[in-house]
PDB file of N, CA and C in Angstrom:
ATOM      1  N   MET A   1       0.318   0.946  42.871  1.00  0.00           N
ATOM      2  CA  MET A   1      -0.414   2.111  42.439  1.00  0.00           C
ATOM      3  C   MET A   1      -0.229   2.269  40.926  1.00  0.00           C
ATOM      4  N   ALA A   2      -1.299   2.592  40.228  1.00  0.00           N
ATOM      5  CA  ALA A   2      -1.257   2.728  38.777  1.00  0.00           C
ATOM      6  C   ALA A   2      -0.623   4.049  38.377  1.00  0.00           C
ATOM      7  N   ASN A   3       0.111   4.003  37.282  1.00  0.00           N
ATOM      8  CA  ASN A   3       0.672   5.236  36.732  1.00  0.00           C
ATOM      9  C   ASN A   3      -0.421   5.994  35.987  1.00  0.00           C
ATOM     10  N   ILE A   4      -0.550   7.241  36.271  1.00  0.00           N
ATOM     11  CA  ILE A   4      -1.536   8.080  35.597  1.00  0.00           C
ATOM     12  C   ILE A   4      -0.786   9.099  34.763  1.00  0.00           C
ATOM     13  N   THR A   5      -1.154   9.151  33.488  1.00  0.00           N
ATOM     14  CA  THR A   5      -0.547  10.100  32.570  1.00  0.00           C
ATOM     15  C   THR A   5      -1.576  11.144  32.195  1.00  0.00           C
ATOM     16  N   ILE A   6      -1.203  12.381  32.299  1.00  0.00           N
ATOM     17  CA  ILE A   6      -2.073  13.477  31.898  1.00  0.00           C
ATOM     18  C   ILE A   6      -1.526  14.032  30.596  1.00  0.00           C
ATOM     19  N   ARG A   7      -2.380  14.015  29.594  1.00  0.00           N
ATOM     20  CA  ARG A   7      -1.981  14.494  28.281  1.00  0.00           C
ATOM     21  C   ARG A   7      -2.598  15.862  28.039  1.00  0.00           C
ATOM     22  N   GLU A   8      -1.756  16.793  27.670  1.00  0.00           N
ATOM     23  CA  GLU A   8      -2.230  18.146  27.390  1.00  0.00           C
ATOM     24  C   GLU A   8      -2.619  18.222  25.919  1.00  0.00           C
ATOM     25  N   LEU A   9      -3.863  18.605  25.672  1.00  0.00           N
ATOM     26  CA  LEU A   9      -4.329  18.760  24.300  1.00  0.00           C
ATOM     27  C   LEU A   9      -3.987  20.147  23.800  1.00  0.00           C
ATOM     28  N   LYS A  10      -3.411  20.184  22.623  1.00  0.00           N
ATOM     29  CA  LYS A  10      -3.035  21.468  22.028  1.00  0.00           C
ATOM     30  C   LYS A  10      -4.032  21.835  20.950  1.00  0.00           C
ATOM     31  N   ASN A  11      -4.228  23.109  20.776  1.00  0.00           N
ATOM     32  CA  ASN A  11      -5.090  23.582  19.699  1.00  0.00           C
ATOM     33  C   ASN A  11      -4.438  23.274  18.362  1.00  0.00           C
ATOM     34  N   PRO A  12      -5.241  22.825  17.377  1.00  0.00           N
ATOM     35  CA  PRO A  12      -4.655  22.568  16.062  1.00  0.00           C
ATOM     36  C   PRO A  12      -4.230  23.874  15.401  1.00  0.00           C
ATOM     37  N   THR A  13      -3.184  23.778  14.609  1.00  0.00           N
ATOM     38  CA  THR A  13      -2.749  24.943  13.844  1.00  0.00           C
ATOM     39  C   THR A  13      -3.121  24.725  12.386  1.00  0.00           C
ATOM     40  N   PHE A  14      -3.217  25.782  11.670  1.00  0.00           N
ATOM     41  CA  PHE A  14      -3.594  25.726  10.258  1.00  0.00           C
ATOM     42  C   PHE A  14      -2.591  26.510   9.424  1.00  0.00           C
ATOM     43  N   HIS A  15      -1.325  26.499   9.850  1.00  0.00           N
ATOM     44  CA  HIS A  15      -0.274  27.211   9.128  1.00  0.00           C
ATOM     45  C   HIS A  15       0.176  26.371   7.940  1.00  0.00           C
ATOM     46  N   GLY A  16       0.198  26.976   6.765  1.00  0.00           N
ATOM     47  CA  GLY A  16       0.643  26.261   5.573  1.00  0.00           C
ATOM     48  C   GLY A  16      -0.241  25.059   5.297  1.00  0.00           C
ATOM     49  N   LYS A  17       0.390  23.885   5.199  1.00  0.00           N
ATOM     50  CA  LYS A  17      -0.351  22.668   4.884  1.00  0.00           C
ATOM     51  C   LYS A  17      -0.871  21.941   6.118  1.00  0.00           C
ATOM     52  N   HIS A  18      -0.504  22.420   7.299  1.00  0.00           N
ATOM     53  CA  HIS A  18      -0.889  21.727   8.525  1.00  0.00           C
ATOM     54  C   HIS A  18      -2.405  21.690   8.686  1.00  0.00           C
ATOM     55  N   ASN A  19      -2.964  20.502   8.757  1.00  0.00           N
ATOM     56  CA  ASN A  19      -4.400  20.233   8.881  1.00  0.00           C
ATOM     57  C   ASN A  19      -5.199  20.591   7.631  1.00  0.00           C
ATOM     58  N   ALA A  20      -4.549  20.906   6.533  1.00  0.00           N
ATOM     59  CA  ALA A  20      -5.267  21.291   5.314  1.00  0.00           C
ATOM     60  C   ALA A  20      -6.002  20.102   4.696  1.00  0.00           C
ATOM     61  N   ILE A  21      -5.347  18.954   4.581  1.00  0.00           N
ATOM     62  CA  ILE A  21      -5.991  17.786   3.977  1.00  0.00           C
ATOM     63  C   ILE A  21      -7.180  17.358   4.822  1.00  0.00           C
ATOM     64  N   ARG A  22      -6.974  17.280   6.121  1.00  0.00           N
ATOM     65  CA  ARG A  22      -8.066  16.903   7.025  1.00  0.00           C
ATOM     66  C   ARG A  22      -9.243  17.861   6.858  1.00  0.00           C
ATOM     67  N   SER A  23      -8.971  19.135   6.911  1.00  0.00           N
ATOM     68  CA  SER A  23     -10.041  20.130   6.840  1.00  0.00           C
ATOM     69  C   SER A  23     -10.783  20.060   5.520  1.00  0.00           C
ATOM     70  N   LYS A  24     -10.063  19.971   4.411  1.00  0.00           N
ATOM     71  CA  LYS A  24     -10.722  19.940   3.101  1.00  0.00           C
ATOM     72  C   LYS A  24     -11.559  18.672   2.921  1.00  0.00           C
ATOM     73  N   CYS A  25     -11.026  17.526   3.320  1.00  0.00           N
ATOM     74  CA  CYS A  25     -11.774  16.278   3.197  1.00  0.00           C
ATOM     75  C   CYS A  25     -13.034  16.305   4.049  1.00  0.00           C
ATOM     76  N   TRP A  26     -12.880  16.727   5.281  1.00  0.00           N
ATOM     77  CA  TRP A  26     -14.016  16.738   6.182  1.00  0.00           C
ATOM     78  C   TRP A  26     -15.048  17.779   5.765  1.00  0.00           C
ATOM     79  N   LEU A  27     -14.590  18.921   5.214  1.00  0.00           N
ATOM     80  CA  LEU A  27     -15.536  19.928   4.730  1.00  0.00           C
ATOM     81  C   LEU A  27     -16.355  19.394   3.564  1.00  0.00           C
ATOM     82  N   ILE A  28     -15.719  18.663   2.669  1.00  0.00           N
ATOM     83  CA  ILE A  28     -16.445  18.080   1.530  1.00  0.00           C
ATOM     84  C   ILE A  28     -17.473  17.076   2.023  1.00  0.00           C
ATOM     85  N   LEU A  29     -17.079  16.220   2.960  1.00  0.00           N
ATOM     86  CA  LEU A  29     -18.018  15.231   3.488  1.00  0.00           C
ATOM     87  C   LEU A  29     -19.143  15.898   4.287  1.00  0.00           C
ATOM     88  N   TYR A  30     -18.813  16.945   5.012  1.00  0.00           N
ATOM     89  CA  TYR A  30     -19.821  17.682   5.784  1.00  0.00           C
ATOM     90  C   TYR A  30     -20.800  18.372   4.827  1.00  0.00           C
ATOM     91  N   ASP A  31     -20.287  18.931   3.744  1.00  0.00           N
ATOM     92  CA  ASP A  31     -21.128  19.595   2.756  1.00  0.00           C
ATOM     93  C   ASP A  31     -22.126  18.606   2.152  1.00  0.00           C
ATOM     94  N   ARG A  32     -21.680  17.389   1.886  1.00  0.00           N
ATOM     95  CA  ARG A  32     -22.585  16.364   1.345  1.00  0.00           C
ATOM     96  C   ARG A  32     -23.694  16.051   2.343  1.00  0.00           C
ATOM     97  N   LEU A  33     -23.340  15.981   3.605  1.00  0.00           N
ATOM     98  CA  LEU A  33     -24.338  15.711   4.638  1.00  0.00           C
ATOM     99  C   LEU A  33     -25.367  16.835   4.697  1.00  0.00           C
ATOM    100  N   LEU A  34     -24.887  18.082   4.694  1.00  0.00           N
ATOM    101  CA  LEU A  34     -25.794  19.228   4.771  1.00  0.00           C
ATOM    102  C   LEU A  34     -26.675  19.344   3.528  1.00  0.00           C
ATOM    103  N   ALA A  35     -26.166  18.865   2.382  1.00  0.00           N
ATOM    104  CA  ALA A  35     -26.934  18.904   1.138  1.00  0.00           C
ATOM    105  C   ALA A  35     -27.950  17.768   1.060  1.00  0.00           C
ATOM    106  N   GLY A  36     -27.924  16.877   2.045  1.00  0.00           N
ATOM    107  CA  GLY A  36     -28.878  15.774   2.075  1.00  0.00           C
ATOM    108  C   GLY A  36     -28.520  14.614   1.169  1.00  0.00           C
ATOM    109  N   LYS A  37     -27.278  14.552   0.745  1.00  0.00           N
ATOM    110  CA  LYS A  37     -26.840  13.448  -0.112  1.00  0.00           C
ATOM    111  C   LYS A  37     -26.517  12.251   0.778  1.00  0.00           C
ATOM    112  N   SER A  38     -27.258  11.172   0.583  1.00  0.00           N
ATOM    113  CA  SER A  38     -27.112  10.013   1.461  1.00  0.00           C
ATOM    114  C   SER A  38     -25.885   9.172   1.122  1.00  0.00           C
ATOM    115  N   SER A  39     -25.424   9.252  -0.108  1.00  0.00           N
ATOM    116  CA  SER A  39     -24.258   8.448  -0.483  1.00  0.00           C
ATOM    117  C   SER A  39     -22.976   9.172  -0.089  1.00  0.00           C
ATOM    118  N   GLY A  40     -22.041   8.407   0.410  1.00  0.00           N
ATOM    119  CA  GLY A  40     -20.746   8.979   0.760  1.00  0.00           C
ATOM    120  C   GLY A  40     -19.848   9.028  -0.467  1.00  0.00           C
ATOM    121  N   LEU A  41     -18.591   9.272  -0.248  1.00  0.00           N
ATOM    122  CA  LEU A  41     -17.613   9.326  -1.323  1.00  0.00           C
ATOM    123  C   LEU A  41     -16.610   8.183  -1.157  1.00  0.00           C
ATOM    124  N   THR A  42     -16.186   7.628  -2.278  1.00  0.00           N
ATOM    125  CA  THR A  42     -15.142   6.620  -2.245  1.00  0.00           C
ATOM    126  C   THR A  42     -13.798   7.311  -2.067  1.00  0.00           C
ATOM    127  N   LEU A  43     -12.787   6.521  -1.787  1.00  0.00           N
ATOM    128  CA  LEU A  43     -11.435   7.059  -1.641  1.00  0.00           C
ATOM    129  C   LEU A  43     -11.007   7.800  -2.900  1.00  0.00           C
ATOM    130  N   SER A  44     -11.238   7.212  -4.057  1.00  0.00           N
ATOM    131  CA  SER A  44     -10.810   7.868  -5.298  1.00  0.00           C
ATOM    132  C   SER A  44     -11.585   9.158  -5.558  1.00  0.00           C
ATOM    133  N   GLU A  45     -12.877   9.171  -5.249  1.00  0.00           N
ATOM    134  CA  GLU A  45     -13.669  10.391  -5.428  1.00  0.00           C
ATOM    135  C   GLU A  45     -13.195  11.497  -4.490  1.00  0.00           C
ATOM    136  N   LEU A  46     -12.904  11.111  -3.255  1.00  0.00           N
ATOM    137  CA  LEU A  46     -12.437  12.100  -2.283  1.00  0.00           C
ATOM    138  C   LEU A  46     -11.062  12.635  -2.669  1.00  0.00           C
ATOM    139  N   ALA A  47     -10.179  11.765  -3.146  1.00  0.00           N
ATOM    140  CA  ALA A  47      -8.858  12.209  -3.590  1.00  0.00           C
ATOM    141  C   ALA A  47      -8.986  13.157  -4.776  1.00  0.00           C
ATOM    142  N   GLU A  48      -9.887  12.842  -5.695  1.00  0.00           N
ATOM    143  CA  GLU A  48     -10.094  13.686  -6.874  1.00  0.00           C
ATOM    144  C   GLU A  48     -10.662  15.046  -6.489  1.00  0.00           C
ATOM    145  N   GLN A  49     -11.619  15.069  -5.584  1.00  0.00           N
ATOM    146  CA  GLN A  49     -12.279  16.320  -5.212  1.00  0.00           C
ATOM    147  C   GLN A  49     -11.405  17.225  -4.356  1.00  0.00           C
ATOM    148  N   THR A  50     -10.432  16.646  -3.646  1.00  0.00           N
ATOM    149  CA  THR A  50      -9.571  17.455  -2.788  1.00  0.00           C
ATOM    150  C   THR A  50      -8.208  17.720  -3.404  1.00  0.00           C
ATOM    151  N   GLY A  51      -7.839  16.954  -4.423  1.00  0.00           N
ATOM    152  CA  GLY A  51      -6.514  17.092  -5.007  1.00  0.00           C
ATOM    153  C   GLY A  51      -5.428  16.448  -4.160  1.00  0.00           C
ATOM    154  N   CYS A  52      -5.817  15.588  -3.229  1.00  0.00           N
ATOM    155  CA  CYS A  52      -4.857  14.928  -2.344  1.00  0.00           C
ATOM    156  C   CYS A  52      -4.280  13.680  -3.004  1.00  0.00           C
ATOM    157  N   ASN A  53      -3.115  13.298  -2.557  1.00  0.00           N
ATOM    158  CA  ASN A  53      -2.480  12.067  -3.017  1.00  0.00           C
ATOM    159  C   ASN A  53      -3.310  10.875  -2.558  1.00  0.00           C
ATOM    160  N   TYR A  54      -3.597   9.959  -3.473  1.00  0.00           N
ATOM    161  CA  TYR A  54      -4.445   8.805  -3.201  1.00  0.00           C
ATOM    162  C   TYR A  54      -3.894   7.952  -2.055  1.00  0.00           C
ATOM    163  N   GLY A  55      -2.614   7.619  -2.103  1.00  0.00           N
ATOM    164  CA  GLY A  55      -2.004   6.772  -1.081  1.00  0.00           C
ATOM    165  C   GLY A  55      -1.986   7.419   0.288  1.00  0.00           C
ATOM    166  N   SER A  56      -1.636   8.689   0.320  1.00  0.00           N
ATOM    167  CA  SER A  56      -1.623   9.411   1.592  1.00  0.00           C
ATOM    168  C   SER A  56      -3.025   9.499   2.179  1.00  0.00           C
ATOM    169  N   LEU A  57      -3.994   9.768   1.322  1.00  0.00           N
ATOM    170  CA  LEU A  57      -5.368   9.889   1.782  1.00  0.00           C
ATOM    171  C   LEU A  57      -5.903   8.549   2.284  1.00  0.00           C
ATOM    172  N   ALA A  58      -5.511   7.451   1.645  1.00  0.00           N
ATOM    173  CA  ALA A  58      -5.929   6.122   2.100  1.00  0.00           C
ATOM    174  C   ALA A  58      -5.457   5.884   3.529  1.00  0.00           C
ATOM    175  N   HIS A  59      -4.226   6.244   3.795  1.00  0.00           N
ATOM    176  CA  HIS A  59      -3.672   6.087   5.150  1.00  0.00           C
ATOM    177  C   HIS A  59      -4.393   6.984   6.145  1.00  0.00           C
ATOM    178  N   LEU A  60      -4.644   8.215   5.756  1.00  0.00           N
ATOM    179  CA  LEU A  60      -5.325   9.156   6.648  1.00  0.00           C
ATOM    180  C   LEU A  60      -6.761   8.727   6.928  1.00  0.00           C
ATOM    181  N   LEU A  61      -7.465   8.245   5.902  1.00  0.00           N
ATOM    182  CA  LEU A  61      -8.842   7.801   6.110  1.00  0.00           C
ATOM    183  C   LEU A  61      -8.893   6.631   7.086  1.00  0.00           C
ATOM    184  N   PHE A  62      -7.954   5.709   6.951  1.00  0.00           N
ATOM    185  CA  PHE A  62      -7.873   4.584   7.878  1.00  0.00           C
ATOM    186  C   PHE A  62      -7.741   5.094   9.315  1.00  0.00           C
ATOM    187  N   ARG A  63      -6.895   6.076   9.512  1.00  0.00           N
ATOM    188  CA  ARG A  63      -6.666   6.657  10.839  1.00  0.00           C
ATOM    189  C   ARG A  63      -7.914   7.390  11.338  1.00  0.00           C
ATOM    190  N   TRP A  64      -8.541   8.195  10.470  1.00  0.00           N
ATOM    191  CA  TRP A  64      -9.708   8.962  10.880  1.00  0.00           C
ATOM    192  C   TRP A  64     -10.885   8.053  11.228  1.00  0.00           C
ATOM    193  N   VAL A  65     -11.026   6.938  10.499  1.00  0.00           N
ATOM    194  CA  VAL A  65     -12.078   5.969  10.815  1.00  0.00           C
ATOM    195  C   VAL A  65     -11.796   5.343  12.172  1.00  0.00           C
ATOM    196  N   ARG A  66     -10.560   4.963  12.406  1.00  0.00           N
ATOM    197  CA  ARG A  66     -10.174   4.361  13.683  1.00  0.00           C
ATOM    198  C   ARG A  66     -10.424   5.331  14.836  1.00  0.00           C
ATOM    199  N   TRP A  67     -10.219   6.616  14.610  1.00  0.00           N
ATOM    200  CA  TRP A  67     -10.432   7.637  15.641  1.00  0.00           C
ATOM    201  C   TRP A  67     -11.893   8.086  15.717  1.00  0.00           C
ATOM    202  N   ARG A  68     -12.750   7.541  14.843  1.00  0.00           N
ATOM    203  CA  ARG A  68     -14.197   7.790  14.811  1.00  0.00           C
ATOM    204  C   ARG A  68     -14.574   9.221  14.386  1.00  0.00           C
ATOM    205  N   TYR A  69     -13.750   9.848  13.561  1.00  0.00           N
ATOM    206  CA  TYR A  69     -14.096  11.140  12.973  1.00  0.00           C
ATOM    207  C   TYR A  69     -14.826  10.943  11.639  1.00  0.00           C
ATOM    208  N   ILE A  70     -14.550   9.830  11.003  1.00  0.00           N
ATOM    209  CA  ILE A  70     -15.127   9.479   9.709  1.00  0.00           C
ATOM    210  C   ILE A  70     -15.733   8.090   9.833  1.00  0.00           C
ATOM    211  N   LEU A  71     -16.856   7.866   9.150  1.00  0.00           N
ATOM    212  CA  LEU A  71     -17.497   6.558   9.112  1.00  0.00           C
ATOM    213  C   LEU A  71     -17.246   5.917   7.757  1.00  0.00           C
ATOM    214  N   ARG A  72     -17.064   4.601   7.729  1.00  0.00           N
ATOM    215  CA  ARG A  72     -16.848   3.872   6.478  1.00  0.00           C
ATOM    216  C   ARG A  72     -17.969   2.860   6.314  1.00  0.00           C
ATOM    217  N   SER A  73     -18.484   2.752   5.101  1.00  0.00           N
ATOM    218  CA  SER A  73     -19.537   1.780   4.827  1.00  0.00           C
ATOM    219  C   SER A  73     -18.970   0.366   4.919  1.00  0.00           C
ATOM    220  N   ASN A  74     -19.852  -0.609   5.034  1.00  0.00           N
ATOM    221  CA  ASN A  74     -19.433  -2.004   5.098  1.00  0.00           C
ATOM    222  C   ASN A  74     -19.404  -2.678   3.746  1.00  0.00           C
ATOM    223  N   THR A  75     -19.843  -1.990   2.706  1.00  0.00           N
ATOM    224  CA  THR A  75     -19.909  -2.583   1.374  1.00  0.00           C
ATOM    225  C   THR A  75     -18.784  -2.051   0.497  1.00  0.00           C
ATOM    226  N   VAL A  76     -18.355  -2.900  -0.423  1.00  0.00           N
ATOM    227  CA  VAL A  76     -17.297  -2.524  -1.363  1.00  0.00           C
ATOM    228  C   VAL A  76     -17.957  -1.996  -2.621  1.00  0.00           C
ATOM    229  N   PRO A  77     -17.543  -0.897  -3.215  1.00  0.00           N
ATOM    230  CA  PRO A  77     -16.438  -0.058  -2.771  1.00  0.00           C
ATOM    231  C   PRO A  77     -16.840   0.723  -1.521  1.00  0.00           C
ATOM    232  N   PHE A  78     -15.889   0.869  -0.608  1.00  0.00           N
ATOM    233  CA  PHE A  78     -16.141   1.571   0.641  1.00  0.00           C
ATOM    234  C   PHE A  78     -16.443   3.034   0.360  1.00  0.00           C
ATOM    235  N   THR A  79     -17.426   3.550   1.065  1.00  0.00           N
ATOM    236  CA  THR A  79     -17.718   4.979   0.979  1.00  0.00           C
ATOM    237  C   THR A  79     -17.533   5.574   2.370  1.00  0.00           C
ATOM    238  N   TYR A  80     -17.192   6.840   2.386  1.00  0.00           N
ATOM    239  CA  TYR A  80     -16.869   7.527   3.631  1.00  0.00           C
ATOM    240  C   TYR A  80     -17.851   8.662   3.876  1.00  0.00           C
ATOM    241  N   HIS A  81     -18.201   8.829   5.147  1.00  0.00           N
ATOM    242  CA  HIS A  81     -19.126   9.868   5.600  1.00  0.00           C
ATOM    243  C   HIS A  81     -18.505  10.539   6.815  1.00  0.00           C
ATOM    244  N   ILE A  82     -18.863  11.774   7.055  1.00  0.00           N
ATOM    245  CA  ILE A  82     -18.372  12.443   8.259  1.00  0.00           C
ATOM    246  C   ILE A  82     -19.193  11.975   9.457  1.00  0.00           C
ATOM    247  N   ALA A  83     -18.520  11.692  10.549  1.00  0.00           N
ATOM    248  CA  ALA A  83     -19.185  11.268  11.778  1.00  0.00           C
ATOM    249  C   ALA A  83     -19.498  12.489  12.640  1.00  0.00           C
ATOM    250  N   ALA A  84     -20.304  12.284  13.658  1.00  0.00           N
ATOM    251  CA  ALA A  84     -20.659  13.383  14.564  1.00  0.00           C
ATOM    252  C   ALA A  84     -19.404  13.997  15.182  1.00  0.00           C
ATOM    253  N   ARG A  85     -18.438  13.165  15.511  1.00  0.00           N
ATOM    254  CA  ARG A  85     -17.199  13.665  16.107  1.00  0.00           C
ATOM    255  C   ARG A  85     -16.436  14.567  15.130  1.00  0.00           C
ATOM    256  N   GLY A  86     -16.424  14.222  13.850  1.00  0.00           N
ATOM    257  CA  GLY A  86     -15.780  15.054  12.838  1.00  0.00           C
ATOM    258  C   GLY A  86     -16.502  16.373  12.641  1.00  0.00           C
ATOM    259  N   ARG A  87     -17.835  16.326  12.696  1.00  0.00           N
ATOM    260  CA  ARG A  87     -18.620  17.563  12.577  1.00  0.00           C
ATOM    261  C   ARG A  87     -18.337  18.489  13.753  1.00  0.00           C
ATOM    262  N   LYS A  88     -18.240  17.925  14.948  1.00  0.00           N
ATOM    263  CA  LYS A  88     -17.944  18.742  16.132  1.00  0.00           C
ATOM    264  C   LYS A  88     -16.569  19.381  16.024  1.00  0.00           C
ATOM    265  N   TRP A  89     -15.591  18.632  15.492  1.00  0.00           N
ATOM    266  CA  TRP A  89     -14.239  19.174  15.323  1.00  0.00           C
ATOM    267  C   TRP A  89     -14.271  20.352  14.364  1.00  0.00           C
ATOM    268  N   LEU A  90     -14.955  20.192  13.227  1.00  0.00           N
ATOM    269  CA  LEU A  90     -15.053  21.290  12.258  1.00  0.00           C
ATOM    270  C   LEU A  90     -15.772  22.495  12.849  1.00  0.00           C
ATOM    271  N   ASP A  91     -16.859  22.241  13.547  1.00  0.00           N
ATOM    272  CA  ASP A  91     -17.606  23.344  14.155  1.00  0.00           C
ATOM    273  C   ASP A  91     -16.761  24.079  15.200  1.00  0.00           C
ATOM    274  N   ARG A  92     -15.972  23.328  15.933  1.00  0.00           N
ATOM    275  CA  ARG A  92     -15.146  23.937  16.990  1.00  0.00           C
ATOM    276  C   ARG A  92     -14.040  24.815  16.419  1.00  0.00           C
ATOM    277  N   TRP A  93     -13.427  24.397  15.316  1.00  0.00           N
ATOM    278  CA  TRP A  93     -12.232  25.081  14.806  1.00  0.00           C
ATOM    279  C   TRP A  93     -12.477  25.905  13.537  1.00  0.00           C
ATOM    280  N   ARG A  94     -13.705  25.994  13.073  1.00  0.00           N
ATOM    281  CA  ARG A  94     -13.959  26.696  11.798  1.00  0.00           C
ATOM    282  C   ARG A  94     -13.552  28.160  11.830  1.00  0.00           C
ATOM    283  N   ASN A  95     -13.619  28.797  12.986  1.00  0.00           N
ATOM    284  CA  ASN A  95     -13.225  30.207  13.080  1.00  0.00           C
ATOM    285  C   ASN A  95     -11.710  30.385  13.116  1.00  0.00           C
ATOM    286  N   HIS A  96     -10.974  29.302  13.302  1.00  0.00           N
ATOM    287  CA  HIS A  96      -9.516  29.364  13.360  1.00  0.00           C
ATOM    288  C   HIS A  96      -8.866  28.941  12.050  1.00  0.00           C
ATOM    289  N   MET A  97      -9.571  28.173  11.245  1.00  0.00           N
ATOM    290  CA  MET A  97      -8.982  27.671  10.001  1.00  0.00           C
ATOM    291  C   MET A  97      -9.191  28.679   8.872  1.00  0.00           C
ATOM    292  N   PRO A  98      -8.296  28.668   7.907  1.00  0.00           N
ATOM    293  CA  PRO A  98      -8.457  29.558   6.746  1.00  0.00           C
ATOM    294  C   PRO A  98      -9.509  28.997   5.788  1.00  0.00           C
ATOM    295  N   LEU A  99     -10.739  29.078   6.196  1.00  0.00           N
ATOM    296  CA  LEU A  99     -11.851  28.474   5.473  1.00  0.00           C
ATOM    297  C   LEU A  99     -11.965  28.976   4.039  1.00  0.00           C
ATOM    298  N   HIS A 100     -11.772  30.278   3.837  1.00  0.00           N
ATOM    299  CA  HIS A 100     -11.872  30.844   2.480  1.00  0.00           C
ATOM    300  C   HIS A 100     -10.791  30.252   1.572  1.00  0.00           C
ATOM    301  N   ARG A 101      -9.590  30.052   2.107  1.00  0.00           N
ATOM    302  CA  ARG A 101      -8.506  29.466   1.316  1.00  0.00           C
ATOM    303  C   ARG A 101      -8.844  28.026   0.937  1.00  0.00           C
ATOM    304  N   TYR A 102      -9.324  27.246   1.898  1.00  0.00           N
ATOM    305  CA  TYR A 102      -9.652  25.844   1.622  1.00  0.00           C
ATOM    306  C   TYR A 102     -10.768  25.731   0.595  1.00  0.00           C
ATOM    307  N   ILE A 103     -11.799  26.532   0.748  1.00  0.00           N
ATOM    308  CA  ILE A 103     -12.908  26.504  -0.205  1.00  0.00           C
ATOM    309  C   ILE A 103     -12.435  26.949  -1.581  1.00  0.00           C
ATOM    310  N   GLY A 104     -11.573  27.958  -1.632  1.00  0.00           N
ATOM    311  CA  GLY A 104     -11.019  28.414  -2.909  1.00  0.00           C
ATOM    312  C   GLY A 104     -10.201  27.330  -3.588  1.00  0.00           C
ATOM    313  N   GLU A 105      -9.402  26.594  -2.820  1.00  0.00           N
ATOM    314  CA  GLU A 105      -8.608  25.501  -3.378  1.00  0.00           C
ATOM    315  C   GLU A 105      -9.495  24.382  -3.891  1.00  0.00           C
ATOM    316  N   ILE A 106     -10.546  24.049  -3.166  1.00  0.00           N
ATOM    317  CA  ILE A 106     -11.480  23.012  -3.607  1.00  0.00           C
ATOM    318  C   ILE A 106     -12.184  23.448  -4.873  1.00  0.00           C
ATOM    319  N   GLU A 107     -12.641  24.699  -4.926  1.00  0.00           N
ATOM    320  CA  GLU A 107     -13.323  25.201  -6.121  1.00  0.00           C
ATOM    321  C   GLU A 107     -12.393  25.231  -7.321  1.00  0.00           C
ATOM    322  N   ALA A 108     -11.120  25.564  -7.107  1.00  0.00           N
ATOM    323  CA  ALA A 108     -10.144  25.579  -8.212  1.00  0.00           C
ATOM    324  C   ALA A 108      -9.951  24.179  -8.778  1.00  0.00           C
ATOM    325  N   ILE A 109      -9.943  23.179  -7.917  1.00  0.00           N
ATOM    326  CA  ILE A 109      -9.805  21.785  -8.381  1.00  0.00           C
ATOM    327  C   ILE A 109     -11.009  21.395  -9.209  1.00  0.00           C
ATOM    328  N   HIS A 110     -12.201  21.782  -8.771  1.00  0.00           N
ATOM    329  CA  HIS A 110     -13.417  21.458  -9.510  1.00  0.00           C
ATOM    330  C   HIS A 110     -13.452  22.185 -10.850  1.00  0.00           C
ATOM    331  N   LYS A 111     -12.952  23.411 -10.876  1.00  0.00           N
ATOM    332  CA  LYS A 111     -12.941  24.177 -12.109  1.00  0.00           C
ATOM    333  C   LYS A 111     -11.964  23.564 -13.110  1.00  0.00           C
ATOM    334  N   ASP A 112     -10.792  23.143 -12.630  1.00  0.00           N
ATOM    335  CA  ASP A 112      -9.791  22.552 -13.506  1.00  0.00           C
ATOM    336  C   ASP A 112     -10.148  21.140 -13.924  1.00  0.00           C
ATOM    337  N   GLY A 113     -10.886  20.430 -13.080  1.00  0.00           N
ATOM    338  CA  GLY A 113     -11.225  19.019 -13.324  1.00  0.00           C
ATOM    339  C   GLY A 113     -12.305  18.883 -14.343  1.00  0.00           C
TER     340      GLY A 113
END
C-alpha cells in the first residue's frame, strides 16, 4: 500500500519582511502586464526597481520560475513576466498584504533612484 501524505497549506503572513520581496516583485511584474508592456524585466532591472539584493533575487526567481509563478524568456538576457499562477496568488492575498506599504516602498526607491 502506498504512503499518502496530506500537507496542510497555511495562509501566507506579511509580518515585517515576510513575503515582502515576493509581493513587491510580483506586483511590479503584474503592473507591467496591466499596463500592456510586452517586455518583461531582467534580473538587474527587477532588483533595481524593488531594492532587493541581486543574488538573493536571482535565487528566488529561479525558485518562482520552477514553481510556475513567474515565466522566464528563452533569450539572453532573460526577462521575467508574471504567470497566471502568480496573478492568482496576488489576487487571492491582496486584501491581506500591506499593499500601501509595499507600493510606498517601491515609489520611494523610484524617487531616490
